[in-house]
Amino acid sequence: MAPHESDVKDTPASSKIWRSSQENLILIAIALCLAFVIRTFIAEPRYIPSDSMLPTLHTGDRLVVEKISYRLHPPKTGDIIVFQPPAELQRRGYPKDQAFIKRIIGEPGEIVSVARGKVYLNGQALEEDYIAEPPNSPYPPQTVPEGEFFVMGDNRNDSNDSRYWGFLPRKNIIGRATFRFWPLNRVGFI
């Protein structure tokens, strides 16, 4: 005579499997929550889609973008930042969630200009050993407005940057590029 369902009791093996499954589901949920918190508030991976930051960053490089330091201090000249496109770029058809990467050249209140193949900050030529080549087009002196930044790509003559679409609002900055983790032969801090 076959046992009824009500007569079948949990065996120790099935109870162990159920507990193990519950623990695994809890661990997966915790891992997903941690990944969300880390990516949203601490750091996230990004890749370089263009040549605008050559020779510093190459197309296909993978980076870690940290998001904490700008909560402690403002962005500064020389930082390589990742940002959402400002309104002017969105009007030109770039999606709001497309990330850009450039170097901060001018902070609020500073005067930026380009002349004779040099970038000037407050009237002083910048020493830029990180650029691909000197910029080939002039940019008249402009004062960076409060709460905004002037950014340029290191590949000065192949970069869609502040010279063409204006100043970058602070609120658009996602974070600072800090570490290259791919390709393996170029791993290191930026």
N, C-alpha and C. Protein backbone atom coordinates (compact mmCIF):
# COMPACT_ATOMS: atom_id res chain seq x y z
N MET A 1 0.84 -1.16 0.00
CA MET A 1 0.00 0.00 0.00
C MET A 1 0.90 1.24 0.00
N ALA A 2 0.66 2.19 -0.94
CA ALA A 2 1.47 3.40 -1.10
C ALA A 2 1.14 4.38 0.01
N PRO A 3 2.15 5.08 0.52
CA PRO A 3 1.90 6.06 1.58
C PRO A 3 1.20 7.29 1.01
N HIS A 4 0.34 7.88 1.83
CA HIS A 4 -0.32 9.13 1.46
C HIS A 4 0.67 10.28 1.65
N GLU A 5 0.39 11.39 0.96
CA GLU A 5 1.26 12.55 1.08
C GLU A 5 1.36 13.02 2.53
N SER A 6 0.28 12.92 3.25
CA SER A 6 0.29 13.38 4.63
C SER A 6 1.16 12.50 5.52
N ASP A 7 1.42 11.28 5.06
CA ASP A 7 2.25 10.37 5.84
C ASP A 7 3.75 10.59 5.59
N VAL A 8 4.09 11.31 4.46
CA VAL A 8 5.49 11.53 4.13
C VAL A 8 6.01 12.72 4.92
N LYS A 9 7.11 12.53 5.62
CA LYS A 9 7.69 13.60 6.42
C LYS A 9 8.98 14.05 5.77
N ASP A 10 9.35 15.30 6.07
CA ASP A 10 10.64 15.80 5.57
C ASP A 10 11.75 14.91 6.08
N THR A 11 12.58 14.52 5.17
CA THR A 11 13.75 13.75 5.56
C THR A 11 14.86 14.73 5.89
N PRO A 12 15.83 14.32 6.66
CA PRO A 12 16.94 15.23 6.96
C PRO A 12 17.63 15.73 5.70
N ALA A 13 17.74 14.91 4.67
CA ALA A 13 18.40 15.32 3.43
C ALA A 13 17.61 16.43 2.73
N SER A 14 16.30 16.30 2.63
CA SER A 14 15.51 17.33 1.94
C SER A 14 15.49 18.62 2.75
N SER A 15 15.52 18.51 4.06
CA SER A 15 15.57 19.69 4.92
C SER A 15 16.90 20.43 4.73
N LYS A 16 17.99 19.69 4.62
CA LYS A 16 19.30 20.30 4.39
C LYS A 16 19.34 21.02 3.04
N ILE A 17 18.77 20.39 2.02
CA ILE A 17 18.76 20.99 0.69
C ILE A 17 17.95 22.29 0.72
N TRP A 18 16.80 22.27 1.40
CA TRP A 18 15.97 23.46 1.48
C TRP A 18 16.70 24.60 2.20
N ARG A 19 17.34 24.28 3.34
CA ARG A 19 18.10 25.30 4.08
C ARG A 19 19.25 25.84 3.24
N SER A 20 19.93 24.96 2.54
CA SER A 20 21.05 25.37 1.69
C SER A 20 20.57 26.29 0.56
N SER A 21 19.44 25.94 -0.02
CA SER A 21 18.87 26.78 -1.09
C SER A 21 18.49 28.16 -0.56
N GLN A 22 17.91 28.21 0.62
CA GLN A 22 17.55 29.48 1.23
C GLN A 22 18.79 30.33 1.49
N GLU A 23 19.83 29.72 2.03
CA GLU A 23 21.08 30.44 2.30
C GLU A 23 21.68 30.98 1.00
N ASN A 24 21.66 30.17 -0.05
CA ASN A 24 22.20 30.62 -1.34
C ASN A 24 21.40 31.79 -1.90
N LEU A 25 20.09 31.74 -1.79
CA LEU A 25 19.25 32.84 -2.27
C LEU A 25 19.52 34.12 -1.47
N ILE A 26 19.70 33.98 -0.17
CA ILE A 26 20.02 35.15 0.67
C ILE A 26 21.37 35.72 0.28
N LEU A 27 22.37 34.86 0.07
CA LEU A 27 23.70 35.32 -0.35
C LEU A 27 23.65 36.03 -1.71
N ILE A 28 22.87 35.50 -2.63
CA ILE A 28 22.73 36.13 -3.94
C ILE A 28 22.07 37.50 -3.79
N ALA A 29 21.03 37.59 -2.97
CA ALA A 29 20.34 38.88 -2.75
C ALA A 29 21.29 39.90 -2.13
N ILE A 30 22.08 39.46 -1.15
CA ILE A 30 23.04 40.37 -0.52
C ILE A 30 24.08 40.83 -1.53
N ALA A 31 24.61 39.89 -2.34
CA ALA A 31 25.61 40.25 -3.35
C ALA A 31 25.04 41.25 -4.36
N LEU A 32 23.80 41.06 -4.79
CA LEU A 32 23.18 42.00 -5.73
C LEU A 32 22.99 43.37 -5.10
N CYS A 33 22.58 43.41 -3.85
CA CYS A 33 22.43 44.69 -3.15
C CYS A 33 23.77 45.39 -3.00
N LEU A 34 24.80 44.65 -2.62
CA LEU A 34 26.14 45.24 -2.49
C LEU A 34 26.63 45.76 -3.83
N ALA A 35 26.43 45.00 -4.89
CA ALA A 35 26.86 45.44 -6.22
C ALA A 35 26.15 46.73 -6.61
N PHE A 36 24.86 46.82 -6.32
CA PHE A 36 24.09 48.02 -6.63
C PHE A 36 24.62 49.22 -5.85
N VAL A 37 24.84 49.05 -4.55
CA VAL A 37 25.33 50.14 -3.70
C VAL A 37 26.72 50.58 -4.15
N ILE A 38 27.61 49.62 -4.41
CA ILE A 38 28.97 49.95 -4.83
C ILE A 38 28.94 50.71 -6.16
N ARG A 39 28.20 50.20 -7.14
CA ARG A 39 28.16 50.85 -8.46
C ARG A 39 27.50 52.23 -8.40
N THR A 40 26.49 52.38 -7.57
CA THR A 40 25.77 53.65 -7.50
C THR A 40 26.54 54.71 -6.72
N PHE A 41 27.19 54.33 -5.62
CA PHE A 41 27.76 55.33 -4.72
C PHE A 41 29.28 55.30 -4.58
N ILE A 42 29.95 54.21 -4.97
CA ILE A 42 31.38 54.10 -4.67
C ILE A 42 32.24 54.07 -5.94
N ALA A 43 32.01 53.11 -6.82
CA ALA A 43 32.83 52.98 -8.03
C ALA A 43 32.09 52.15 -9.07
N GLU A 44 32.49 52.35 -10.32
CA GLU A 44 31.89 51.56 -11.40
C GLU A 44 32.90 51.39 -12.53
N PRO A 45 32.77 50.32 -13.27
CA PRO A 45 33.65 50.13 -14.43
C PRO A 45 33.14 50.90 -15.64
N ARG A 46 34.06 51.37 -16.46
CA ARG A 46 33.72 52.05 -17.72
C ARG A 46 34.74 51.67 -18.77
N TYR A 47 34.37 51.79 -20.04
CA TYR A 47 35.33 51.55 -21.11
C TYR A 47 35.47 52.81 -21.95
N ILE A 48 36.58 52.90 -22.66
CA ILE A 48 36.86 54.06 -23.50
C ILE A 48 36.40 53.75 -24.93
N PRO A 49 35.42 54.49 -25.45
CA PRO A 49 34.87 54.18 -26.77
C PRO A 49 35.53 54.90 -27.95
N SER A 50 36.43 55.88 -27.66
CA SER A 50 36.98 56.66 -28.77
C SER A 50 38.44 57.01 -28.51
N ASP A 51 39.04 57.70 -29.48
CA ASP A 51 40.44 58.11 -29.39
C ASP A 51 40.62 59.50 -28.77
N SER A 52 39.59 60.09 -28.20
CA SER A 52 39.68 61.48 -27.73
C SER A 52 40.64 61.68 -26.56
N MET A 53 41.03 60.62 -25.87
CA MET A 53 41.93 60.76 -24.73
C MET A 53 43.33 60.18 -25.01
N LEU A 54 43.63 59.89 -26.28
CA LEU A 54 44.97 59.43 -26.62
C LEU A 54 45.98 60.52 -26.29
N PRO A 55 47.16 60.23 -25.87
CA PRO A 55 47.76 58.92 -25.65
C PRO A 55 47.53 58.37 -24.24
N THR A 56 46.86 59.13 -23.37
CA THR A 56 46.65 58.69 -21.99
C THR A 56 45.81 57.43 -21.92
N LEU A 57 44.67 57.44 -22.63
CA LEU A 57 43.74 56.31 -22.64
C LEU A 57 43.49 55.91 -24.08
N HIS A 58 43.43 54.61 -24.32
CA HIS A 58 43.22 54.09 -25.66
C HIS A 58 41.80 53.55 -25.81
N THR A 59 41.32 53.50 -27.03
CA THR A 59 40.02 52.90 -27.30
C THR A 59 40.03 51.47 -26.79
N GLY A 60 39.00 51.12 -26.03
CA GLY A 60 38.90 49.78 -25.47
C GLY A 60 39.46 49.62 -24.07
N ASP A 61 40.19 50.61 -23.56
CA ASP A 61 40.67 50.54 -22.18
C ASP A 61 39.46 50.42 -21.25
N ARG A 62 39.65 49.66 -20.18
CA ARG A 62 38.61 49.52 -19.15
C ARG A 62 39.12 50.19 -17.88
N LEU A 63 38.26 51.02 -17.27
CA LEU A 63 38.66 51.83 -16.12
C LEU A 63 37.74 51.63 -14.93
N VAL A 64 38.26 51.97 -13.76
CA VAL A 64 37.43 52.10 -12.56
C VAL A 64 37.22 53.60 -12.35
N VAL A 65 35.97 53.98 -12.22
CA VAL A 65 35.60 55.37 -11.95
C VAL A 65 35.11 55.43 -10.51
N GLU A 66 35.87 56.15 -9.67
CA GLU A 66 35.48 56.25 -8.26
C GLU A 66 34.59 57.47 -8.06
N LYS A 67 33.65 57.36 -7.12
CA LYS A 67 32.63 58.39 -6.94
C LYS A 67 32.66 59.04 -5.55
N ILE A 68 33.62 58.67 -4.72
CA ILE A 68 33.62 59.16 -3.33
C ILE A 68 34.37 60.47 -3.17
N SER A 69 35.53 60.61 -3.80
CA SER A 69 36.40 61.75 -3.52
C SER A 69 35.72 63.10 -3.77
N TYR A 70 34.82 63.18 -4.76
CA TYR A 70 34.18 64.46 -5.04
C TYR A 70 33.08 64.80 -4.04
N ARG A 71 32.80 63.90 -3.13
CA ARG A 71 31.92 64.24 -2.01
C ARG A 71 32.73 64.91 -0.90
N LEU A 72 34.06 64.68 -0.93
CA LEU A 72 34.94 65.23 0.10
C LEU A 72 35.62 66.52 -0.33
N HIS A 73 35.86 66.66 -1.65
CA HIS A 73 36.49 67.87 -2.18
C HIS A 73 36.05 68.06 -3.62
N PRO A 74 36.13 69.28 -4.14
CA PRO A 74 35.67 69.52 -5.52
C PRO A 74 36.65 68.94 -6.55
N PRO A 75 36.17 68.69 -7.76
CA PRO A 75 37.07 68.28 -8.85
C PRO A 75 38.12 69.35 -9.08
N LYS A 76 39.30 68.94 -9.57
CA LYS A 76 40.36 69.92 -9.78
C LYS A 76 41.02 69.75 -11.14
N THR A 77 41.70 70.78 -11.56
CA THR A 77 42.40 70.79 -12.84
C THR A 77 43.34 69.58 -12.91
N GLY A 78 43.29 68.92 -14.05
CA GLY A 78 44.13 67.74 -14.26
C GLY A 78 43.41 66.44 -14.04
N ASP A 79 42.31 66.43 -13.28
CA ASP A 79 41.55 65.20 -13.05
C ASP A 79 40.94 64.72 -14.37
N ILE A 80 40.97 63.41 -14.57
CA ILE A 80 40.27 62.80 -15.70
C ILE A 80 38.93 62.33 -15.16
N ILE A 81 37.86 62.88 -15.74
CA ILE A 81 36.52 62.63 -15.21
C ILE A 81 35.62 61.97 -16.24
N VAL A 82 34.62 61.27 -15.73
CA VAL A 82 33.56 60.69 -16.55
C VAL A 82 32.30 61.47 -16.21
N PHE A 83 31.54 61.83 -17.23
CA PHE A 83 30.37 62.68 -17.01
C PHE A 83 29.26 62.38 -18.01
N GLN A 84 28.05 62.77 -17.62
CA GLN A 84 26.90 62.70 -18.51
C GLN A 84 26.93 63.92 -19.41
N PRO A 85 26.47 63.79 -20.65
CA PRO A 85 26.53 64.94 -21.56
C PRO A 85 25.68 66.11 -21.05
N PRO A 86 26.23 67.33 -21.16
CA PRO A 86 25.45 68.50 -20.77
C PRO A 86 24.31 68.74 -21.76
N ALA A 87 23.46 69.70 -21.43
CA ALA A 87 22.26 69.96 -22.23
C ALA A 87 22.58 70.20 -23.71
N GLU A 88 23.64 70.93 -24.02
CA GLU A 88 23.97 71.23 -25.42
C GLU A 88 24.25 69.94 -26.20
N LEU A 89 24.96 69.00 -25.61
CA LEU A 89 25.22 67.73 -26.30
C LEU A 89 23.93 66.92 -26.44
N GLN A 90 23.07 66.98 -25.46
CA GLN A 90 21.79 66.27 -25.57
C GLN A 90 20.94 66.88 -26.68
N ARG A 91 20.99 68.21 -26.84
CA ARG A 91 20.26 68.85 -27.94
C ARG A 91 20.82 68.40 -29.29
N ARG A 92 22.10 68.05 -29.31
CA ARG A 92 22.73 67.59 -30.55
C ARG A 92 22.53 66.10 -30.80
N GLY A 93 21.75 65.44 -29.93
CA GLY A 93 21.39 64.05 -30.19
C GLY A 93 22.07 63.01 -29.33
N TYR A 94 22.97 63.40 -28.43
CA TYR A 94 23.60 62.41 -27.55
C TYR A 94 22.63 62.03 -26.45
N PRO A 95 22.48 60.73 -26.18
CA PRO A 95 21.56 60.32 -25.11
C PRO A 95 22.08 60.73 -23.73
N LYS A 96 21.15 61.01 -22.82
CA LYS A 96 21.49 61.48 -21.48
C LYS A 96 22.38 60.49 -20.73
N ASP A 97 22.22 59.20 -21.00
CA ASP A 97 22.98 58.19 -20.25
C ASP A 97 24.32 57.82 -20.91
N GLN A 98 24.67 58.47 -22.01
CA GLN A 98 25.97 58.21 -22.64
C GLN A 98 27.05 58.94 -21.85
N ALA A 99 28.06 58.21 -21.43
CA ALA A 99 29.13 58.83 -20.64
C ALA A 99 30.25 59.33 -21.54
N PHE A 100 30.82 60.46 -21.15
CA PHE A 100 31.99 61.05 -21.81
C PHE A 100 33.15 61.01 -20.82
N ILE A 101 34.35 61.06 -21.34
CA ILE A 101 35.53 61.14 -20.48
C ILE A 101 36.46 62.21 -21.03
N LYS A 102 36.88 63.12 -20.16
CA LYS A 102 37.77 64.22 -20.53
C LYS A 102 38.61 64.61 -19.32
N ARG A 103 39.56 65.51 -19.55
CA ARG A 103 40.42 66.04 -18.48
C ARG A 103 39.94 67.45 -18.12
N ILE A 104 39.86 67.74 -16.82
CA ILE A 104 39.50 69.09 -16.38
C ILE A 104 40.69 70.01 -16.65
N ILE A 105 40.41 71.10 -17.37
CA ILE A 105 41.43 72.10 -17.69
C ILE A 105 41.20 73.36 -16.88
N GLY A 106 39.94 73.75 -16.67
CA GLY A 106 39.64 74.97 -15.94
C GLY A 106 38.55 74.76 -14.91
N GLU A 107 38.76 75.34 -13.74
CA GLU A 107 37.79 75.29 -12.64
C GLU A 107 37.00 76.59 -12.60
N PRO A 108 35.92 76.63 -11.82
CA PRO A 108 35.12 77.85 -11.73
C PRO A 108 35.96 79.09 -11.39
N GLY A 109 35.73 80.16 -12.15
CA GLY A 109 36.43 81.42 -11.93
C GLY A 109 37.74 81.56 -12.69
N GLU A 110 38.24 80.49 -13.28
CA GLU A 110 39.49 80.55 -14.02
C GLU A 110 39.24 80.94 -15.47
N ILE A 111 40.26 81.50 -16.11
CA ILE A 111 40.14 81.93 -17.51
C ILE A 111 40.92 80.95 -18.38
N VAL A 112 40.23 80.38 -19.37
CA VAL A 112 40.83 79.39 -20.27
C VAL A 112 40.87 79.95 -21.68
N SER A 113 41.97 79.69 -22.37
CA SER A 113 42.08 80.08 -23.78
C SER A 113 43.05 79.12 -24.48
N VAL A 114 42.98 79.13 -25.82
CA VAL A 114 43.91 78.35 -26.64
C VAL A 114 44.44 79.29 -27.73
N ALA A 115 45.77 79.36 -27.83
CA ALA A 115 46.39 80.22 -28.84
C ALA A 115 47.78 79.67 -29.17
N ARG A 116 48.16 79.78 -30.44
CA ARG A 116 49.50 79.37 -30.89
C ARG A 116 49.89 77.96 -30.44
N GLY A 117 48.93 77.04 -30.48
CA GLY A 117 49.21 75.65 -30.13
C GLY A 117 49.37 75.38 -28.65
N LYS A 118 48.93 76.28 -27.80
CA LYS A 118 49.04 76.12 -26.35
C LYS A 118 47.70 76.38 -25.69
N VAL A 119 47.47 75.69 -24.57
CA VAL A 119 46.30 75.95 -23.73
C VAL A 119 46.78 76.84 -22.59
N TYR A 120 46.03 77.91 -22.35
CA TYR A 120 46.38 78.86 -21.30
C TYR A 120 45.33 78.82 -20.19
N LEU A 121 45.82 78.86 -18.97
CA LEU A 121 44.96 78.92 -17.80
C LEU A 121 45.38 80.15 -17.01
N ASN A 122 44.45 81.11 -16.92
CA ASN A 122 44.74 82.39 -16.24
C ASN A 122 45.98 83.07 -16.81
N GLY A 123 46.13 82.99 -18.14
CA GLY A 123 47.22 83.66 -18.83
C GLY A 123 48.54 82.90 -18.87
N GLN A 124 48.61 81.77 -18.18
CA GLN A 124 49.84 80.96 -18.16
C GLN A 124 49.68 79.72 -19.03
N ALA A 125 50.65 79.47 -19.90
CA ALA A 125 50.60 78.26 -20.74
C ALA A 125 50.74 77.03 -19.86
N LEU A 126 49.89 76.04 -20.11
CA LEU A 126 49.97 74.78 -19.36
C LEU A 126 51.09 73.91 -19.92
N GLU A 127 51.80 73.23 -19.05
CA GLU A 127 52.76 72.21 -19.46
C GLU A 127 51.96 70.92 -19.61
N GLU A 128 51.80 70.46 -20.84
CA GLU A 128 50.93 69.32 -21.09
C GLU A 128 51.71 68.19 -21.78
N ASP A 129 52.45 67.44 -21.00
CA ASP A 129 53.21 66.33 -21.57
C ASP A 129 52.33 65.11 -21.86
N TYR A 130 51.04 65.20 -21.57
CA TYR A 130 50.12 64.09 -21.75
C TYR A 130 49.30 64.18 -23.03
N ILE A 131 49.44 65.24 -23.84
CA ILE A 131 48.60 65.39 -25.03
C ILE A 131 49.21 64.68 -26.24
N ALA A 132 48.34 64.35 -27.22
CA ALA A 132 48.79 63.70 -28.45
C ALA A 132 49.55 64.68 -29.33
N GLU A 133 49.03 65.90 -29.44
CA GLU A 133 49.67 66.95 -30.23
C GLU A 133 49.07 68.29 -29.82
N PRO A 134 49.76 69.38 -30.09
CA PRO A 134 49.23 70.70 -29.71
C PRO A 134 47.91 70.99 -30.43
N PRO A 135 47.02 71.73 -29.77
CA PRO A 135 45.74 72.07 -30.41
C PRO A 135 45.98 72.97 -31.62
N ASN A 136 45.24 72.70 -32.71
CA ASN A 136 45.46 73.45 -33.95
C ASN A 136 44.43 74.55 -34.21
N SER A 137 43.52 74.77 -33.28
CA SER A 137 42.56 75.86 -33.47
C SER A 137 42.48 76.71 -32.21
N PRO A 138 42.34 78.03 -32.39
CA PRO A 138 42.30 78.93 -31.23
C PRO A 138 40.95 78.87 -30.50
N TYR A 139 40.98 79.30 -29.26
CA TYR A 139 39.77 79.43 -28.45
C TYR A 139 39.94 80.72 -27.66
N PRO A 140 39.02 81.66 -27.79
CA PRO A 140 39.19 82.95 -27.12
C PRO A 140 39.09 82.81 -25.60
N PRO A 141 39.70 83.72 -24.86
CA PRO A 141 39.65 83.65 -23.39
C PRO A 141 38.20 83.66 -22.88
N GLN A 142 37.91 82.70 -22.02
CA GLN A 142 36.57 82.57 -21.43
C GLN A 142 36.73 82.28 -19.94
N THR A 143 35.92 82.91 -19.13
CA THR A 143 35.92 82.64 -17.70
C THR A 143 34.96 81.50 -17.41
N VAL A 144 35.43 80.50 -16.68
CA VAL A 144 34.60 79.35 -16.33
C VAL A 144 33.58 79.80 -15.28
N PRO A 145 32.28 79.61 -15.56
CA PRO A 145 31.25 80.05 -14.61
C PRO A 145 31.27 79.24 -13.31
N GLU A 146 30.70 79.83 -12.28
CA GLU A 146 30.57 79.14 -10.99
C GLU A 146 29.78 77.85 -11.18
N GLY A 147 30.24 76.76 -10.55
CA GLY A 147 29.55 75.48 -10.62
C GLY A 147 29.77 74.72 -11.91
N GLU A 148 30.72 75.19 -12.74
CA GLU A 148 30.98 74.52 -14.02
C GLU A 148 32.48 74.35 -14.22
N PHE A 149 32.83 73.53 -15.22
CA PHE A 149 34.23 73.22 -15.51
C PHE A 149 34.46 73.28 -17.01
N PHE A 150 35.71 73.50 -17.39
CA PHE A 150 36.12 73.47 -18.79
C PHE A 150 36.93 72.19 -18.96
N VAL A 151 36.52 71.32 -19.89
CA VAL A 151 37.17 70.02 -20.07
C VAL A 151 37.64 69.85 -21.52
N MET A 152 38.73 69.12 -21.68
CA MET A 152 39.26 68.82 -23.01
C MET A 152 39.77 67.38 -23.03
N GLY A 153 39.75 66.79 -24.23
CA GLY A 153 40.38 65.49 -24.41
C GLY A 153 41.87 65.67 -24.61
N ASP A 154 42.65 64.67 -24.24
CA ASP A 154 44.10 64.75 -24.42
C ASP A 154 44.50 64.70 -25.89
N ASN A 155 43.66 64.14 -26.72
CA ASN A 155 43.87 64.15 -28.17
C ASN A 155 43.21 65.43 -28.69
N ARG A 156 43.87 66.55 -28.44
CA ARG A 156 43.29 67.88 -28.62
C ARG A 156 42.59 68.11 -29.97
N ASN A 157 43.09 67.53 -31.03
CA ASN A 157 42.53 67.80 -32.36
C ASN A 157 41.50 66.75 -32.80
N ASP A 158 41.16 65.84 -31.91
CA ASP A 158 40.13 64.84 -32.19
C ASP A 158 39.31 64.62 -30.92
N SER A 159 38.77 65.71 -30.38
CA SER A 159 38.03 65.64 -29.13
C SER A 159 36.82 66.57 -29.17
N ASN A 160 35.66 66.02 -28.89
CA ASN A 160 34.43 66.78 -28.78
C ASN A 160 34.34 67.26 -27.33
N ASP A 161 34.79 68.50 -27.07
CA ASP A 161 34.93 68.95 -25.68
C ASP A 161 34.37 70.35 -25.48
N SER A 162 34.72 70.98 -24.36
CA SER A 162 34.16 72.29 -23.98
C SER A 162 34.38 73.37 -25.02
N ARG A 163 35.38 73.24 -25.87
CA ARG A 163 35.60 74.25 -26.92
C ARG A 163 34.43 74.28 -27.89
N TYR A 164 33.70 73.18 -28.01
CA TYR A 164 32.63 73.07 -29.01
C TYR A 164 31.24 73.09 -28.42
N TRP A 165 31.07 72.67 -27.17
CA TRP A 165 29.73 72.62 -26.59
C TRP A 165 29.59 73.37 -25.28
N GLY A 166 30.63 74.03 -24.81
CA GLY A 166 30.51 74.87 -23.63
C GLY A 166 31.02 74.22 -22.35
N PHE A 167 30.66 74.83 -21.26
CA PHE A 167 31.14 74.41 -19.94
C PHE A 167 30.34 73.22 -19.42
N LEU A 168 30.99 72.44 -18.57
CA LEU A 168 30.38 71.24 -17.99
C LEU A 168 29.85 71.54 -16.59
N PRO A 169 28.55 71.40 -16.36
CA PRO A 169 28.01 71.60 -15.02
C PRO A 169 28.53 70.53 -14.05
N ARG A 170 28.82 70.92 -12.83
CA ARG A 170 29.31 70.00 -11.79
C ARG A 170 28.38 68.82 -11.61
N LYS A 171 27.06 69.07 -11.69
CA LYS A 171 26.08 68.01 -11.45
C LYS A 171 26.17 66.88 -12.48
N ASN A 172 26.80 67.11 -13.62
CA ASN A 172 26.92 66.08 -14.65
C ASN A 172 28.09 65.12 -14.41
N ILE A 173 28.97 65.46 -13.49
CA ILE A 173 30.14 64.62 -13.26
C ILE A 173 29.75 63.36 -12.49
N ILE A 174 30.09 62.20 -13.06
CA ILE A 174 29.81 60.91 -12.45
C ILE A 174 30.91 60.55 -11.45
N GLY A 175 32.17 60.76 -11.85
CA GLY A 175 33.28 60.41 -10.98
C GLY A 175 34.61 60.61 -11.66
N ARG A 176 35.66 60.21 -10.98
CA ARG A 176 37.04 60.40 -11.44
C ARG A 176 37.62 59.06 -11.87
N ALA A 177 38.21 59.02 -13.06
CA ALA A 177 38.87 57.81 -13.54
C ALA A 177 40.15 57.62 -12.74
N THR A 178 40.31 56.46 -12.12
CA THR A 178 41.45 56.27 -11.23
C THR A 178 42.36 55.10 -11.60
N PHE A 179 41.79 54.05 -12.18
CA PHE A 179 42.57 52.83 -12.37
C PHE A 179 42.17 52.15 -13.67
N ARG A 180 43.17 51.75 -14.46
CA ARG A 180 42.91 50.99 -15.69
C ARG A 180 43.11 49.51 -15.35
N PHE A 181 42.07 48.68 -15.59
CA PHE A 181 42.21 47.25 -15.30
C PHE A 181 42.27 46.39 -16.55
N TRP A 182 42.16 47.01 -17.72
CA TRP A 182 42.27 46.28 -18.98
C TRP A 182 42.74 47.24 -20.05
N PRO A 183 43.61 46.83 -20.91
CA PRO A 183 44.24 45.51 -21.08
C PRO A 183 45.30 45.26 -20.01
N LEU A 184 45.62 44.00 -19.82
CA LEU A 184 46.53 43.61 -18.75
C LEU A 184 47.91 44.25 -18.87
N ASN A 185 48.37 44.49 -20.10
CA ASN A 185 49.71 45.08 -20.25
C ASN A 185 49.73 46.59 -19.94
N ARG A 186 48.56 47.17 -19.66
CA ARG A 186 48.50 48.60 -19.31
C ARG A 186 47.81 48.82 -17.96
N VAL A 187 47.69 47.77 -17.14
CA VAL A 187 47.05 47.88 -15.85
C VAL A 187 47.80 48.87 -14.98
N GLY A 188 47.05 49.71 -14.27
CA GLY A 188 47.69 50.63 -13.34
C GLY A 188 46.85 51.87 -13.07
N PHE A 189 47.34 52.67 -12.14
CA PHE A 189 46.65 53.92 -11.80
C PHE A 189 46.85 54.93 -12.91
N ILE A 190 45.85 55.77 -13.09
CA ILE A 190 45.88 56.78 -14.15
C ILE A 190 46.42 58.09 -13.57
